[in-house]
């Protein structure tokens, strides 16, 4: 009886077929879509509401984001002060926009520089965001959060948020507060 019988050949074929898909899956996860767990309270109520029993898991779109980011998109990005740290925040301003900053940012208003965005957490009392480290480079953006996929009771699109206070702090195309 041969070691290389029909059953062994079949297992080998299936194993090699599955193994050949590993690079495809890795590339897809690294560059197209990924699933990420959101921890912490900086994005409450959008993510991890107080009545929830577990952290939210979100589907993150990674492919070709540079020119498709919009105000109110929720993005995953590397911290400008510690590249090992990844944050999830909402875009409040794009390049050229003027944003009214909050403490501890040293200026009252900021014009977002070219190829940068201004990000803030939805829960302003528990967030580290552009008010701490300033505008962030578009190159630090990893992806856009598109859907909450877990827990199942919260399944759905990531919705816009910001409330009246956030909208009043965004001055699109206005050079200074006095122009309002």
C-alpha atoms as a PDB file:
ATOM      1  CA  UNK A   1       0.000   0.000   0.000  1.00  0.00           C
ATOM      2  CA  UNK A   2       1.430   3.351  -1.073  1.00  0.00           C
ATOM      3  CA  UNK A   3       1.652   6.382   1.211  1.00  0.00           C
ATOM      4  CA  UNK A   4       0.570   8.550  -1.722  1.00  0.00           C
ATOM      5  CA  UNK A   5      -2.872   7.044  -2.130  1.00  0.00           C
ATOM      6  CA  UNK A   6      -5.900   8.850  -3.586  1.00  0.00           C
ATOM      7  CA  UNK A   7      -7.010  10.148  -0.174  1.00  0.00           C
ATOM      8  CA  UNK A   8      -3.607  11.685   0.595  1.00  0.00           C
ATOM      9  CA  UNK A   9      -3.465  13.282  -2.845  1.00  0.00           C
ATOM     10  CA  UNK A  10      -6.932  14.756  -2.286  1.00  0.00           C
ATOM     11  CA  UNK A  11      -5.918  16.232   1.104  1.00  0.00           C
ATOM     12  CA  UNK A  12      -2.753  17.634  -0.437  1.00  0.00           C
ATOM     13  CA  UNK A  13      -4.706  19.257  -3.270  1.00  0.00           C
ATOM     14  CA  UNK A  14      -7.213  20.864  -0.869  1.00  0.00           C
ATOM     15  CA  UNK A  15      -4.399  22.059   1.417  1.00  0.00           C
ATOM     16  CA  UNK A  16      -2.458  23.637  -1.440  1.00  0.00           C
ATOM     17  CA  UNK A  17      -5.607  25.290  -2.793  1.00  0.00           C
ATOM     18  CA  UNK A  18      -6.407  26.798   0.619  1.00  0.00           C
ATOM     19  CA  UNK A  19      -2.796  27.840   1.106  1.00  0.00           C
ATOM     20  CA  UNK A  20      -2.785  29.627  -2.248  1.00  0.00           C
ATOM     21  CA  UNK A  21      -5.619  31.867  -1.024  1.00  0.00           C
ATOM     22  CA  UNK A  22      -3.697  33.082   2.065  1.00  0.00           C
ATOM     23  CA  UNK A  23      -1.874  35.885   0.175  1.00  0.00           C
ATOM     24  CA  UNK A  24      -5.160  36.976  -1.405  1.00  0.00           C
ATOM     25  CA  UNK A  25      -6.884  37.136   1.996  1.00  0.00           C
ATOM     26  CA  UNK A  26      -3.916  38.959   3.538  1.00  0.00           C
ATOM     27  CA  UNK A  27      -3.855  41.533   0.718  1.00  0.00           C
ATOM     28  CA  UNK A  28      -7.629  42.035   0.980  1.00  0.00           C
ATOM     29  CA  UNK A  29      -7.409  42.612   4.744  1.00  0.00           C
ATOM     30  CA  UNK A  30      -4.381  44.907   4.474  1.00  0.00           C
ATOM     31  CA  UNK A  31      -5.560  47.091   1.594  1.00  0.00           C
ATOM     32  CA  UNK A  32      -9.305  46.752   0.930  1.00  0.00           C
ATOM     33  CA  UNK A  33     -11.454  45.928   3.997  1.00  0.00           C
ATOM     34  CA  UNK A  34     -10.774  44.902   7.580  1.00  0.00           C
ATOM     35  CA  UNK A  35     -12.742  44.324  10.776  1.00  0.00           C
ATOM     36  CA  UNK A  36     -11.641  46.351  13.803  1.00  0.00           C
ATOM     37  CA  UNK A  37     -12.735  46.398  17.433  1.00  0.00           C
ATOM     38  CA  UNK A  38     -13.472  49.881  18.796  1.00  0.00           C
ATOM     39  CA  UNK A  39     -12.470  50.268  22.446  1.00  0.00           C
ATOM     40  CA  UNK A  40     -13.067  53.138  24.822  1.00  0.00           C
ATOM     41  CA  UNK A  41     -15.682  55.839  25.296  1.00  0.00           C
ATOM     42  CA  UNK A  42     -14.353  58.650  23.072  1.00  0.00           C
ATOM     43  CA  UNK A  43     -16.880  57.899  20.309  1.00  0.00           C
ATOM     44  CA  UNK A  44     -19.991  57.384  22.474  1.00  0.00           C
ATOM     45  CA  UNK A  45     -22.835  57.406  21.351  1.00  0.00           C
ATOM     46  CA  UNK A  46     -21.701  56.335  17.856  1.00  0.00           C
ATOM     47  CA  UNK A  47     -19.677  53.385  19.199  1.00  0.00           C
ATOM     48  CA  UNK A  48     -19.837  51.508  22.510  1.00  0.00           C
ATOM     49  CA  UNK A  49     -22.983  53.106  23.966  1.00  0.00           C
ATOM     50  CA  UNK A  50     -23.317  52.879  27.762  1.00  0.00           C
ATOM     51  CA  UNK A  51     -26.157  50.338  27.513  1.00  0.00           C
ATOM     52  CA  UNK A  52     -23.963  48.009  25.418  1.00  0.00           C
ATOM     53  CA  UNK A  53     -22.368  44.956  26.994  1.00  0.00           C
ATOM     54  CA  UNK A  54     -19.452  44.601  24.565  1.00  0.00           C
ATOM     55  CA  UNK A  55     -17.205  46.717  22.383  1.00  0.00           C
ATOM     56  CA  UNK A  56     -18.378  47.411  18.841  1.00  0.00           C
ATOM     57  CA  UNK A  57     -16.720  45.755  15.863  1.00  0.00           C
ATOM     58  CA  UNK A  58     -16.732  47.772  12.639  1.00  0.00           C
ATOM     59  CA  UNK A  59     -16.065  47.134   8.965  1.00  0.00           C
ATOM     60  CA  UNK A  60     -13.258  49.449   7.837  1.00  0.00           C
ATOM     61  CA  UNK A  61     -12.876  50.441   4.178  1.00  0.00           C
ATOM     62  CA  UNK A  62      -9.197  50.982   3.323  1.00  0.00           C
ATOM     63  CA  UNK A  63      -8.979  51.170  -0.476  1.00  0.00           C
ATOM     64  CA  UNK A  64      -8.403  54.487  -2.311  1.00  0.00           C
ATOM     65  CA  UNK A  65      -9.427  56.853   0.492  1.00  0.00           C
ATOM     66  CA  UNK A  66      -7.235  59.881  -0.171  1.00  0.00           C
ATOM     67  CA  UNK A  67      -9.748  61.800  -2.290  1.00  0.00           C
ATOM     68  CA  UNK A  68     -12.996  60.397  -0.905  1.00  0.00           C
ATOM     69  CA  UNK A  69     -12.838  61.545   2.736  1.00  0.00           C
ATOM     70  CA  UNK A  70     -15.680  63.856   3.796  1.00  0.00           C
ATOM     71  CA  UNK A  71     -16.659  65.830   6.875  1.00  0.00           C
ATOM     72  CA  UNK A  72     -18.520  63.525   9.302  1.00  0.00           C
ATOM     73  CA  UNK A  73     -16.758  60.363   8.078  1.00  0.00           C
ATOM     74  CA  UNK A  74     -15.448  58.266  10.966  1.00  0.00           C
ATOM     75  CA  UNK A  75     -11.842  57.265  10.336  1.00  0.00           C
ATOM     76  CA  UNK A  76      -9.252  54.944  11.792  1.00  0.00           C
ATOM     77  CA  UNK A  77      -5.784  56.574  11.889  1.00  0.00           C
ATOM     78  CA  UNK A  78      -2.343  56.310  13.439  1.00  0.00           C
ATOM     79  CA  UNK A  79      -1.584  58.777  16.209  1.00  0.00           C
ATOM     80  CA  UNK A  80       0.716  61.577  15.018  1.00  0.00           C
ATOM     81  CA  UNK A  81       2.581  61.362  18.342  1.00  0.00           C
ATOM     82  CA  UNK A  82       2.811  57.544  18.649  1.00  0.00           C
ATOM     83  CA  UNK A  83       2.495  55.491  15.435  1.00  0.00           C
ATOM     84  CA  UNK A  84       1.821  52.323  17.474  1.00  0.00           C
ATOM     85  CA  UNK A  85      -1.434  53.887  18.762  1.00  0.00           C
ATOM     86  CA  UNK A  86      -4.520  53.760  16.513  1.00  0.00           C
ATOM     87  CA  UNK A  87      -7.507  56.065  17.076  1.00  0.00           C
ATOM     88  CA  UNK A  88     -11.067  56.191  15.769  1.00  0.00           C
ATOM     89  CA  UNK A  89     -12.475  59.727  15.387  1.00  0.00           C
ATOM     90  CA  UNK A  90     -14.870  61.758  13.239  1.00  0.00           C
ATOM     91  CA  UNK A  91     -13.630  64.185  10.582  1.00  0.00           C
ATOM     92  CA  UNK A  92     -14.677  67.745  11.477  1.00  0.00           C
ATOM     93  CA  UNK A  93     -12.645  69.616   8.863  1.00  0.00           C
ATOM     94  CA  UNK A  94     -10.829  69.028   5.578  1.00  0.00           C
ATOM     95  CA  UNK A  95      -7.953  70.960   4.010  1.00  0.00           C
ATOM     96  CA  UNK A  96      -8.834  74.643   3.684  1.00  0.00           C
ATOM     97  CA  UNK A  97     -11.668  74.488   6.243  1.00  0.00           C
ATOM     98  CA  UNK A  98     -11.548  76.687   9.331  1.00  0.00           C
ATOM     99  CA  UNK A  99     -12.436  74.955  12.595  1.00  0.00           C
ATOM    100  CA  UNK A 100     -13.011  76.520  16.001  1.00  0.00           C
ATOM    101  CA  UNK A 101     -10.695  74.568  18.291  1.00  0.00           C
ATOM    102  CA  UNK A 102     -11.343  73.668  21.911  1.00  0.00           C
ATOM    103  CA  UNK A 103      -9.075  73.530  24.951  1.00  0.00           C
ATOM    104  CA  UNK A 104      -6.238  72.409  25.128  1.00  0.00           C
ATOM    105  CA  UNK A 105      -5.470  73.523  21.551  1.00  0.00           C
ATOM    106  CA  UNK A 106      -3.489  76.803  21.795  1.00  0.00           C
ATOM    107  CA  UNK A 107      -5.392  78.703  19.056  1.00  0.00           C
ATOM    108  CA  UNK A 108      -9.076  79.612  18.986  1.00  0.00           C
ATOM    109  CA  UNK A 109      -9.455  78.816  15.293  1.00  0.00           C
ATOM    110  CA  UNK A 110      -7.446  76.693  12.904  1.00  0.00           C
ATOM    111  CA  UNK A 111      -7.323  76.569   9.145  1.00  0.00           C
ATOM    112  CA  UNK A 112      -6.727  72.931   8.222  1.00  0.00           C
ATOM    113  CA  UNK A 113      -3.540  72.734   6.103  1.00  0.00           C
ATOM    114  CA  UNK A 114      -3.273  71.051   2.718  1.00  0.00           C
ATOM    115  CA  UNK A 115      -3.407  67.217   2.862  1.00  0.00           C
ATOM    116  CA  UNK A 116      -4.568  67.276   6.498  1.00  0.00           C
ATOM    117  CA  UNK A 117      -7.842  66.701   8.361  1.00  0.00           C
ATOM    118  CA  UNK A 118      -9.212  67.831  11.719  1.00  0.00           C
ATOM    119  CA  UNK A 119     -10.664  64.962  13.783  1.00  0.00           C
ATOM    120  CA  UNK A 120     -12.623  64.883  17.033  1.00  0.00           C
ATOM    121  CA  UNK A 121     -14.270  62.265  19.199  1.00  0.00           C
ATOM    122  CA  UNK A 122     -18.053  62.378  19.557  1.00  0.00           C
ATOM    123  CA  UNK A 123     -17.718  62.302  23.353  1.00  0.00           C
ATOM    124  CA  UNK A 124     -15.800  65.558  23.828  1.00  0.00           C
ATOM    125  CA  UNK A 125     -15.178  65.017  27.549  1.00  0.00           C
ATOM    126  CA  UNK A 126     -13.355  61.684  27.021  1.00  0.00           C
ATOM    127  CA  UNK A 127     -11.313  62.083  23.849  1.00  0.00           C
ATOM    128  CA  UNK A 128      -7.792  62.686  22.619  1.00  0.00           C
ATOM    129  CA  UNK A 129      -8.077  64.263  19.180  1.00  0.00           C
ATOM    130  CA  UNK A 130      -7.011  67.218  17.016  1.00  0.00           C
ATOM    131  CA  UNK A 131      -7.700  69.537  19.947  1.00  0.00           C
ATOM    132  CA  UNK A 132      -4.708  67.813  21.592  1.00  0.00           C
ATOM    133  CA  UNK A 133      -2.352  67.209  18.659  1.00  0.00           C
ATOM    134  CA  UNK A 134      -3.611  69.479  15.872  1.00  0.00           C
ATOM    135  CA  UNK A 135      -4.554  68.597  12.298  1.00  0.00           C
ATOM    136  CA  UNK A 136      -3.409  65.160  11.153  1.00  0.00           C
ATOM    137  CA  UNK A 137      -1.861  64.216   7.832  1.00  0.00           C
ATOM    138  CA  UNK A 138      -4.072  62.323   5.382  1.00  0.00           C
ATOM    139  CA  UNK A 139      -1.213  59.821   5.217  1.00  0.00           C
ATOM    140  CA  UNK A 140      -1.971  58.672   8.782  1.00  0.00           C
ATOM    141  CA  UNK A 141      -5.513  57.585   7.846  1.00  0.00           C
ATOM    142  CA  UNK A 142      -5.834  53.789   7.764  1.00  0.00           C
ATOM    143  CA  UNK A 143      -9.481  53.528   6.765  1.00  0.00           C
ATOM    144  CA  UNK A 144     -13.070  54.766   7.006  1.00  0.00           C
ATOM    145  CA  UNK A 145     -15.470  53.004   9.399  1.00  0.00           C
ATOM    146  CA  UNK A 146     -18.514  52.043   7.341  1.00  0.00           C
ATOM    147  CA  UNK A 147     -20.643  49.520   9.242  1.00  0.00           C
ATOM    148  CA  UNK A 148     -21.089  48.315  12.789  1.00  0.00           C
ATOM    149  CA  UNK A 149     -21.136  44.524  12.476  1.00  0.00           C
ATOM    150  CA  UNK A 150     -21.113  43.481  16.150  1.00  0.00           C
ATOM    151  CA  UNK A 151     -23.065  43.318  18.366  1.00  0.00           C
ATOM    152  CA  UNK A 152     -25.782  42.174  15.975  1.00  0.00           C
ATOM    153  CA  UNK A 153     -28.342  44.395  17.742  1.00  0.00           C
ATOM    154  CA  UNK A 154     -26.383  47.447  16.506  1.00  0.00           C
ATOM    155  CA  UNK A 155     -25.740  46.165  12.950  1.00  0.00           C
ATOM    156  CA  UNK A 156     -25.885  48.998  10.423  1.00  0.00           C
ATOM    157  CA  UNK A 157     -24.144  51.940   8.794  1.00  0.00           C
ATOM    158  CA  UNK A 158     -21.990  54.304  10.832  1.00  0.00           C
ATOM    159  CA  UNK A 159     -24.145  57.406  11.000  1.00  0.00           C
ATOM    160  CA  UNK A 160     -23.274  61.068  11.058  1.00  0.00           C
ATOM    161  CA  UNK A 161     -23.214  62.709  14.446  1.00  0.00           C
ATOM    162  CA  UNK A 162     -21.974  65.903  15.880  1.00  0.00           C
ATOM    163  CA  UNK A 163     -24.916  67.803  17.210  1.00  0.00           C
ATOM    164  CA  UNK A 164     -25.461  71.549  17.040  1.00  0.00           C
ATOM    165  CA  UNK A 165     -22.303  72.473  18.960  1.00  0.00           C
ATOM    166  CA  UNK A 166     -20.062  70.610  16.500  1.00  0.00           C
ATOM    167  CA  UNK A 167     -21.762  72.144  13.442  1.00  0.00           C
ATOM    168  CA  UNK A 168     -21.367  75.651  14.877  1.00  0.00           C
ATOM    169  CA  UNK A 169     -17.616  75.081  15.276  1.00  0.00           C
ATOM    170  CA  UNK A 170     -17.115  74.299  11.579  1.00  0.00           C
ATOM    171  CA  UNK A 171     -16.601  77.344   9.355  1.00  0.00           C
ATOM    172  CA  UNK A 172     -16.267  76.047   5.785  1.00  0.00           C
ATOM    173  CA  UNK A 173     -14.462  78.486   3.553  1.00  0.00           C
ATOM    174  CA  UNK A 174     -14.526  81.286   6.148  1.00  0.00           C
ATOM    175  CA  UNK A 175     -11.197  82.904   6.935  1.00  0.00           C
ATOM    176  CA  UNK A 176     -12.008  84.080  10.443  1.00  0.00           C
ATOM    177  CA  UNK A 177     -14.742  84.143  13.045  1.00  0.00           C
ATOM    178  CA  UNK A 178     -15.265  87.855  12.431  1.00  0.00           C
ATOM    179  CA  UNK A 179     -16.436  87.033   8.873  1.00  0.00           C
ATOM    180  CA  UNK A 180     -19.499  85.222  10.245  1.00  0.00           C
END
